[in-house]
Protein backbone atom coordinates (compact mmCIF):
# COMPACT_ATOMS: atom_id res chain seq x y z
CA MET A 1 -86.51 -61.82 122.07
CA LYS A 2 -83.17 -60.83 120.61
CA THR A 3 -82.70 -60.43 116.84
CA LEU A 4 -79.54 -59.95 114.79
CA THR A 5 -78.04 -56.57 113.96
CA ALA A 6 -77.40 -55.65 110.32
CA GLU A 7 -73.66 -56.21 110.89
CA GLU A 8 -74.25 -59.67 112.37
CA LYS A 9 -76.51 -60.60 109.45
CA LYS A 10 -73.79 -59.54 107.03
CA ILE A 11 -71.21 -61.73 108.79
CA LEU A 12 -73.52 -64.75 108.49
CA LEU A 13 -74.54 -64.05 104.89
CA ASP A 14 -70.92 -63.55 103.86
CA ALA A 15 -70.07 -66.94 105.38
CA ILE A 16 -72.64 -68.79 103.23
CA ARG A 17 -71.42 -69.85 99.80
CA ASP A 18 -73.66 -69.80 96.69
CA ILE A 19 -73.38 -72.82 94.39
CA PRO A 20 -75.09 -72.18 91.04
CA ASP A 21 -76.92 -75.01 89.26
CA PHE A 22 -76.86 -77.41 92.22
CA PRO A 23 -78.43 -79.92 92.56
CA LYS A 24 -79.87 -79.14 89.13
CA PRO A 25 -79.70 -76.32 86.56
CA GLY A 26 -81.44 -73.12 87.63
CA ILE A 27 -81.05 -73.70 91.37
CA LEU A 28 -78.79 -71.43 93.44
CA PHE A 29 -77.82 -73.64 96.39
CA LYS A 30 -77.02 -71.97 99.71
CA ASP A 31 -74.03 -73.93 101.07
CA ILE A 32 -73.72 -73.64 104.85
CA THR A 33 -70.53 -75.72 105.07
CA THR A 34 -68.55 -72.50 104.71
CA LEU A 35 -70.43 -71.04 107.70
CA LEU A 36 -69.75 -74.18 109.72
CA ASN A 37 -66.00 -74.04 109.13
CA ASN A 38 -65.86 -70.31 109.89
CA PRO A 39 -65.47 -70.10 113.70
CA GLN A 40 -66.39 -66.41 113.87
CA ALA A 41 -69.64 -66.90 111.96
CA PHE A 42 -70.62 -70.20 113.59
CA ASN A 43 -69.94 -68.91 117.11
CA LEU A 44 -71.87 -65.72 116.34
CA LEU A 45 -74.82 -67.83 115.20
CA MET A 46 -74.76 -70.18 118.17
CA ASP A 47 -74.25 -67.38 120.70
CA HIS A 48 -77.17 -65.47 119.18
CA LEU A 49 -79.48 -68.50 119.28
CA THR A 50 -78.43 -69.33 122.84
CA GLU A 51 -79.18 -65.78 123.95
CA ARG A 52 -82.52 -65.75 122.10
CA TYR A 53 -83.75 -69.03 123.60
CA ARG A 54 -82.03 -69.06 127.02
CA ASP A 55 -85.16 -67.86 128.83
CA ALA A 56 -87.75 -69.57 126.60
CA ASN A 57 -88.20 -72.41 129.09
CA LEU A 58 -87.56 -75.04 126.40
CA ASP A 59 -87.45 -78.76 127.11
CA PHE A 60 -86.05 -79.91 123.76
CA VAL A 61 -84.64 -78.73 120.46
CA ALA A 62 -85.81 -80.76 117.45
CA GLY A 63 -83.73 -80.62 114.27
CA ILE A 64 -84.77 -81.62 110.77
CA GLU A 65 -82.45 -83.97 108.89
CA SER A 66 -79.74 -83.25 108.15
CA ARG A 67 -78.55 -79.69 108.51
CA GLY A 68 -81.00 -79.04 111.34
CA PHE A 69 -79.09 -81.68 113.29
CA ILE A 70 -75.96 -79.55 113.27
CA PHE A 71 -77.56 -76.38 114.59
CA GLY A 72 -80.06 -78.18 116.80
CA ALA A 73 -77.60 -80.44 118.60
CA ALA A 74 -75.16 -77.58 119.21
CA LEU A 75 -77.93 -75.32 120.51
CA ALA A 76 -79.41 -78.03 122.75
CA ALA A 77 -75.97 -78.62 124.28
CA LYS A 78 -75.49 -74.89 124.92
CA LEU A 79 -78.96 -74.67 126.52
CA GLY A 80 -78.45 -77.83 128.57
CA ILE A 81 -81.54 -79.57 127.15
CA GLY A 82 -82.23 -82.62 124.99
CA PHE A 83 -81.96 -82.85 121.21
CA VAL A 84 -84.52 -84.74 119.11
CA PRO A 85 -83.82 -85.73 115.49
CA ILE A 86 -86.59 -85.61 112.90
CA ARG A 87 -85.46 -88.01 110.20
CA LYS A 88 -86.43 -89.35 106.82
CA LYS A 89 -88.52 -92.52 106.80
CA GLY A 90 -86.76 -95.68 107.93
CA LYS A 91 -83.77 -94.01 109.63
CA LEU A 92 -84.85 -94.14 113.27
CA PRO A 93 -84.34 -97.45 115.10
CA SER A 94 -87.32 -97.55 117.50
CA THR A 95 -91.09 -97.06 117.24
CA THR A 96 -91.92 -93.92 115.27
CA ILE A 97 -94.70 -91.59 114.21
CA ALA A 98 -94.60 -90.57 110.53
CA GLU A 99 -95.88 -87.57 108.59
CA LYS A 100 -96.01 -87.29 104.79
CA TYR A 101 -95.44 -84.10 102.86
CA ALA A 102 -95.63 -83.11 99.21
CA LEU A 103 -92.59 -82.69 96.99
CA GLU A 104 -92.43 -81.10 93.56
CA TYR A 105 -92.79 -84.59 92.06
CA GLY A 106 -94.26 -86.96 94.62
CA VAL A 107 -94.39 -87.42 98.36
CA ASP A 108 -91.79 -87.91 101.09
CA GLU A 109 -92.05 -88.73 104.77
CA VAL A 110 -90.35 -87.78 108.03
CA GLU A 111 -90.45 -89.55 111.37
CA ILE A 112 -89.91 -88.98 115.07
CA HIS A 113 -89.66 -91.51 117.89
CA VAL A 114 -92.96 -91.87 119.77
CA ASP A 115 -91.10 -91.26 123.03
CA ALA A 116 -88.90 -88.45 121.67
CA PHE A 117 -89.95 -86.09 124.46
CA LEU A 118 -89.54 -88.74 127.16
CA ASN A 119 -93.34 -89.03 127.37
CA LYS A 120 -93.55 -85.49 128.77
CA GLU A 121 -96.90 -84.26 127.54
CA GLY A 122 -96.75 -80.60 126.57
CA ALA A 123 -92.95 -80.55 126.26
CA ARG A 124 -91.80 -77.16 124.99
CA VAL A 125 -89.93 -77.75 121.75
CA LEU A 126 -87.98 -75.48 119.42
CA LEU A 127 -87.86 -76.72 115.82
CA ILE A 128 -84.73 -75.74 113.90
CA ASP A 129 -83.44 -76.12 110.35
CA ASP A 130 -81.12 -74.29 108.01
CA LEU A 131 -83.66 -73.13 105.43
CA ILE A 132 -87.37 -72.50 104.92
CA ALA A 133 -88.36 -72.77 101.28
CA THR A 134 -91.73 -74.33 100.37
CA GLY A 135 -92.35 -75.35 103.98
CA GLY A 136 -93.41 -78.95 103.41
CA THR A 137 -90.78 -80.59 105.58
CA ALA A 138 -91.12 -78.04 108.39
CA GLU A 139 -94.92 -78.36 108.35
CA ALA A 140 -94.61 -82.15 108.65
CA ALA A 141 -92.05 -81.74 111.45
CA ILE A 142 -94.35 -79.46 113.48
CA LYS A 143 -97.19 -81.96 113.05
CA LEU A 144 -94.86 -84.70 114.31
CA ILE A 145 -93.95 -82.65 117.37
CA GLN A 146 -97.65 -82.22 118.09
CA ALA A 147 -98.37 -85.92 117.46
CA ALA A 148 -95.65 -86.80 120.00
CA LYS A 149 -97.56 -84.57 122.48
CA GLY A 150 -95.09 -81.70 122.32
CA GLU A 151 -95.70 -78.00 121.78
CA CYS A 152 -93.72 -76.31 119.02
CA VAL A 153 -92.85 -73.04 120.75
CA GLU A 154 -91.17 -71.63 117.63
CA ALA A 155 -89.78 -72.76 114.29
CA CYS A 156 -86.33 -71.28 113.71
CA PHE A 157 -84.55 -71.13 110.36
CA LEU A 158 -81.15 -69.72 109.49
CA MET A 159 -82.44 -68.59 106.08
CA HIS A 160 -85.86 -67.74 104.63
CA LEU A 161 -86.09 -67.89 100.84
CA THR A 162 -88.39 -64.89 100.37
CA PHE A 163 -89.39 -65.80 96.82
CA LEU A 164 -91.19 -68.91 98.13
CA ASP A 165 -94.22 -68.88 100.42
CA GLY A 166 -93.28 -71.67 102.82
CA ILE A 167 -93.01 -69.38 105.82
CA ASP A 168 -96.71 -68.49 105.54
CA LYS A 169 -97.63 -72.18 105.83
CA ILE A 170 -95.52 -72.54 108.97
CA LYS A 171 -96.86 -69.37 110.62
CA LYS A 172 -100.29 -71.05 110.71
CA LEU A 173 -98.85 -73.76 112.99
CA ALA A 174 -96.22 -71.99 115.13
CA PRO A 175 -94.38 -68.70 115.52
CA VAL A 176 -91.44 -68.42 113.11
CA TYR A 177 -88.02 -66.84 113.45
CA ALA A 178 -85.84 -66.56 110.36
CA LEU A 179 -82.44 -65.01 110.97
CA LEU A 180 -81.69 -64.13 107.35
CA GLU A 181 -83.91 -63.13 104.42
CA VAL A 182 -82.58 -64.40 101.11
CA ALA A 183 -84.10 -63.26 97.80
């Protein structure tokens, strides 16, 4: 499958803004809003993902709330397949399946509709989000895809924070593609 060139990676990285000390002191937040409002960078990203997954025989793209919705919905539309949101607890209106995951201080939960894949057992699903850090949310999302009788064909992330080990946790559940490595 296609990967980015060094020049393409630079265009994407240059389009992502760093916000120091957000949401708390010591955190360097990777702000993708500047990539989203940059048509060259956003189109490069979406064209690359479309090319990478065009022949993957996918049935659905599932995006993790909230930034995964942006990339996931756009990619699903370009591929001509359905988009499935994976949301925080209590945000989906119909019957759901839930999965808990650990946070630094406590536990959170994500949900998917029980019929998210239109009751197609073995639906081929691409999971997408903007960032893989500790991997808790993505791990829970993959387990939800499986619980809804789907197959997570690959987990795709715009950025992988290399100083955290979340990607190793995800690789135990599904193949992983991270476009950009961020130290």
